[in-house]
Amino acid sequence: MEPPLHCQEPQETIIPSISDERRERIIRMHLNNRFTFKRIAEDEGLPISTISSIVGRFQKTSRILKMRRGGSTARTKLNSSHITHVQQYWTRWPLATLKDARNNLLSHYPDIGTLHISTFQQAIASRGTFTLKRVHRDLPARNSTASKQKRQLWCAEWLS
């Protein structure tokens, strides 16, 4: 007798990359031969969810080929003159946020088009000119000596 599933050692299943020919065969098996996802999964040795995804993508997009990952990246959109512009902007405005720098860049270089903030951050970070500290404006420290003195003065005036 086998132990319950929660007591068994997990088995890793490594799914190799699925070729376009195999994807087409899976789609044909389901649409032409009317095989169920379960039957195709058993025949192909793949999870049912993978079979469902392949057939579902075909039904939505009429696309058999596997989806290529990624699209245009910031590395292709931003060149060295763009990076230099951002560096100069941060030299002039050291407290500027990442969003401020991106908007300034887009206003000077409208040919870039749309540029998502995370894509912009990755491009800047990959060139070593950006740290996450520039994402948000620096707020004054609440418990700095100057802040404590201001609060004490305000309290003294309020109490008097």
Protein backbone atom coordinates (compact mmCIF):
# COMPACT_ATOMS: atom_id res chain seq x y z
CA MET A 1 0.00 0.00 0.00
CA GLU A 2 1.37 3.43 -0.98
CA PRO A 3 1.56 6.25 1.55
CA PRO A 4 -0.82 9.22 1.07
CA LEU A 5 0.28 11.85 -1.43
CA HIS A 6 1.18 14.41 1.24
CA CYS A 7 3.65 11.90 2.74
CA GLN A 8 5.35 10.98 -0.53
CA GLU A 9 8.55 12.57 -1.72
CA PRO A 10 7.86 15.21 -4.38
CA GLN A 11 8.78 14.09 -7.85
CA GLU A 12 10.27 16.64 -10.12
CA THR A 13 9.02 16.49 -13.67
CA ILE A 14 11.12 18.36 -16.13
CA ILE A 15 9.18 19.30 -19.21
CA PRO A 16 11.44 19.81 -22.21
CA SER A 17 10.76 22.58 -24.66
CA ILE A 18 7.86 21.65 -26.89
CA SER A 19 8.62 21.91 -30.59
CA ASP A 20 6.28 23.63 -33.00
CA GLU A 21 5.64 20.31 -34.79
CA ARG A 22 4.60 18.71 -31.50
CA ARG A 23 2.30 21.65 -30.74
CA GLU A 24 0.66 21.26 -34.12
CA ARG A 25 0.19 17.52 -33.51
CA ILE A 26 -1.45 18.24 -30.13
CA ILE A 27 -3.82 20.77 -31.67
CA ARG A 28 -4.76 18.37 -34.49
CA MET A 29 -5.34 15.52 -32.04
CA HIS A 30 -7.76 17.64 -30.07
CA LEU A 31 -9.59 19.42 -32.89
CA ASN A 32 -9.62 16.78 -35.66
CA ASN A 33 -9.66 13.53 -33.72
CA ARG A 34 -11.65 14.90 -30.78
CA PHE A 35 -9.28 13.45 -28.20
CA THR A 36 -9.70 14.77 -24.66
CA PHE A 37 -6.97 16.76 -22.94
CA LYS A 38 -6.46 13.82 -20.59
CA ARG A 39 -5.93 11.36 -23.43
CA ILE A 40 -3.52 13.69 -25.25
CA ALA A 41 -1.62 14.33 -22.01
CA GLU A 42 -1.20 10.58 -21.47
CA ASP A 43 -0.08 9.99 -25.07
CA GLU A 44 2.34 12.93 -25.13
CA GLY A 45 3.58 12.63 -21.55
CA LEU A 46 2.72 16.24 -20.73
CA PRO A 47 0.56 17.82 -18.01
CA ILE A 48 -3.08 18.43 -18.88
CA SER A 49 -2.62 22.16 -18.16
CA THR A 50 0.07 22.36 -20.86
CA ILE A 51 -2.19 20.69 -23.40
CA SER A 52 -5.01 23.03 -22.41
CA SER A 53 -2.74 26.07 -22.79
CA ILE A 54 -1.53 25.03 -26.24
CA VAL A 55 -5.05 24.36 -27.56
CA GLY A 56 -6.49 27.43 -25.82
CA ARG A 57 -3.84 29.72 -27.31
CA PHE A 58 -4.57 28.30 -30.75
CA GLN A 59 -8.30 28.83 -30.35
CA LYS A 60 -7.79 32.44 -29.19
CA THR A 61 -5.04 33.54 -31.57
CA SER A 62 -4.90 30.89 -34.32
CA ARG A 63 -1.22 30.63 -33.46
CA ILE A 64 0.50 27.25 -33.45
CA LEU A 65 4.05 28.43 -32.89
CA LYS A 66 5.26 28.75 -29.34
CA MET A 67 5.11 32.21 -27.87
CA ARG A 68 8.40 34.02 -28.03
CA ARG A 69 9.23 35.56 -24.70
CA GLY A 70 9.74 39.25 -24.25
CA GLY A 71 9.28 42.09 -26.60
CA SER A 72 11.09 45.31 -27.09
CA THR A 73 13.36 45.99 -24.18
CA ALA A 74 14.76 49.22 -22.88
CA ARG A 75 18.18 48.17 -24.08
CA THR A 76 16.94 48.43 -27.63
CA LYS A 77 15.04 51.65 -26.98
CA LEU A 78 17.67 53.56 -25.01
CA ASN A 79 21.05 54.36 -26.48
CA SER A 80 24.11 55.97 -24.88
CA SER A 81 22.92 59.53 -25.58
CA HIS A 82 19.71 58.78 -23.69
CA ILE A 83 21.65 57.42 -20.71
CA THR A 84 23.96 60.44 -20.76
CA HIS A 85 20.91 62.72 -20.73
CA VAL A 86 19.52 60.92 -17.66
CA GLN A 87 22.89 61.14 -15.88
CA GLN A 88 23.09 64.87 -16.57
CA TYR A 89 19.51 65.33 -15.41
CA TRP A 90 20.28 63.60 -12.11
CA THR A 91 23.42 65.70 -11.72
CA ARG A 92 21.29 68.86 -11.99
CA TRP A 93 18.37 67.46 -9.96
CA PRO A 94 19.77 64.95 -7.45
CA LEU A 95 16.43 64.51 -5.63
CA ALA A 96 14.51 63.71 -8.81
CA THR A 97 12.61 60.46 -8.78
CA LEU A 98 12.83 57.74 -11.37
CA LYS A 99 9.49 58.87 -12.76
CA ASP A 100 10.74 62.47 -13.06
CA ALA A 101 13.83 61.30 -14.95
CA ARG A 102 11.78 59.13 -17.28
CA ASN A 103 9.32 61.93 -18.03
CA ASN A 104 12.17 64.35 -18.68
CA LEU A 105 13.80 61.87 -21.05
CA LEU A 106 10.53 61.31 -22.93
CA SER A 107 9.96 65.06 -23.26
CA HIS A 108 13.43 65.53 -24.81
CA TYR A 109 13.31 62.38 -26.95
CA PRO A 110 9.72 61.85 -28.14
CA ASP A 111 10.93 59.30 -30.71
CA ILE A 112 11.33 56.75 -27.87
CA GLY A 113 7.54 56.46 -27.63
CA THR A 114 6.10 54.79 -24.56
CA LEU A 115 8.52 53.60 -21.92
CA HIS A 116 7.23 51.73 -18.88
CA ILE A 117 8.84 52.75 -15.58
CA SER A 118 10.13 49.22 -14.85
CA THR A 119 11.65 48.96 -18.33
CA PHE A 120 13.33 52.33 -17.80
CA GLN A 121 14.64 51.24 -14.39
CA GLN A 122 16.10 48.03 -15.83
CA ALA A 123 17.87 49.91 -18.61
CA ILE A 124 19.39 52.42 -16.20
CA ALA A 125 20.33 49.73 -13.67
CA SER A 126 21.96 47.56 -16.33
CA ARG A 127 24.34 50.41 -17.12
CA GLY A 128 25.23 50.98 -13.47
CA THR A 129 23.92 54.55 -13.34
CA PHE A 130 20.96 54.01 -11.07
CA THR A 131 20.23 52.86 -7.56
CA LEU A 132 16.86 52.12 -6.02
CA LYS A 133 17.31 55.08 -3.68
CA ARG A 134 16.32 57.34 -6.57
CA VAL A 135 12.87 55.77 -6.90
CA HIS A 136 11.31 57.89 -4.16
CA ARG A 137 12.02 61.39 -2.99
CA ASP A 138 14.03 61.57 0.21
CA LEU A 139 11.71 62.50 3.05
CA PRO A 140 13.14 64.40 6.02
CA ALA A 141 13.97 62.12 8.91
CA ARG A 142 11.22 62.22 11.52
CA ASN A 143 13.54 61.72 14.46
CA SER A 144 16.47 63.83 13.36
CA THR A 145 17.79 66.38 15.85
CA ALA A 146 16.35 69.27 13.85
CA SER A 147 12.91 67.62 13.68
CA LYS A 148 12.91 66.96 17.43
CA GLN A 149 13.85 70.59 18.16
CA LYS A 150 11.04 71.86 15.92
CA ARG A 151 8.52 69.63 17.71
CA GLN A 152 9.78 70.78 21.12
CA LEU A 153 9.44 74.44 20.09
CA TRP A 154 5.94 73.87 18.75
CA CYS A 155 4.89 72.07 21.95
CA ALA A 156 6.40 74.82 24.13
CA GLU A 157 4.52 77.50 22.17
CA TRP A 158 1.30 75.52 22.24
CA LEU A 159 1.50 74.92 26.00
CA SER A 160 2.26 78.55 26.81
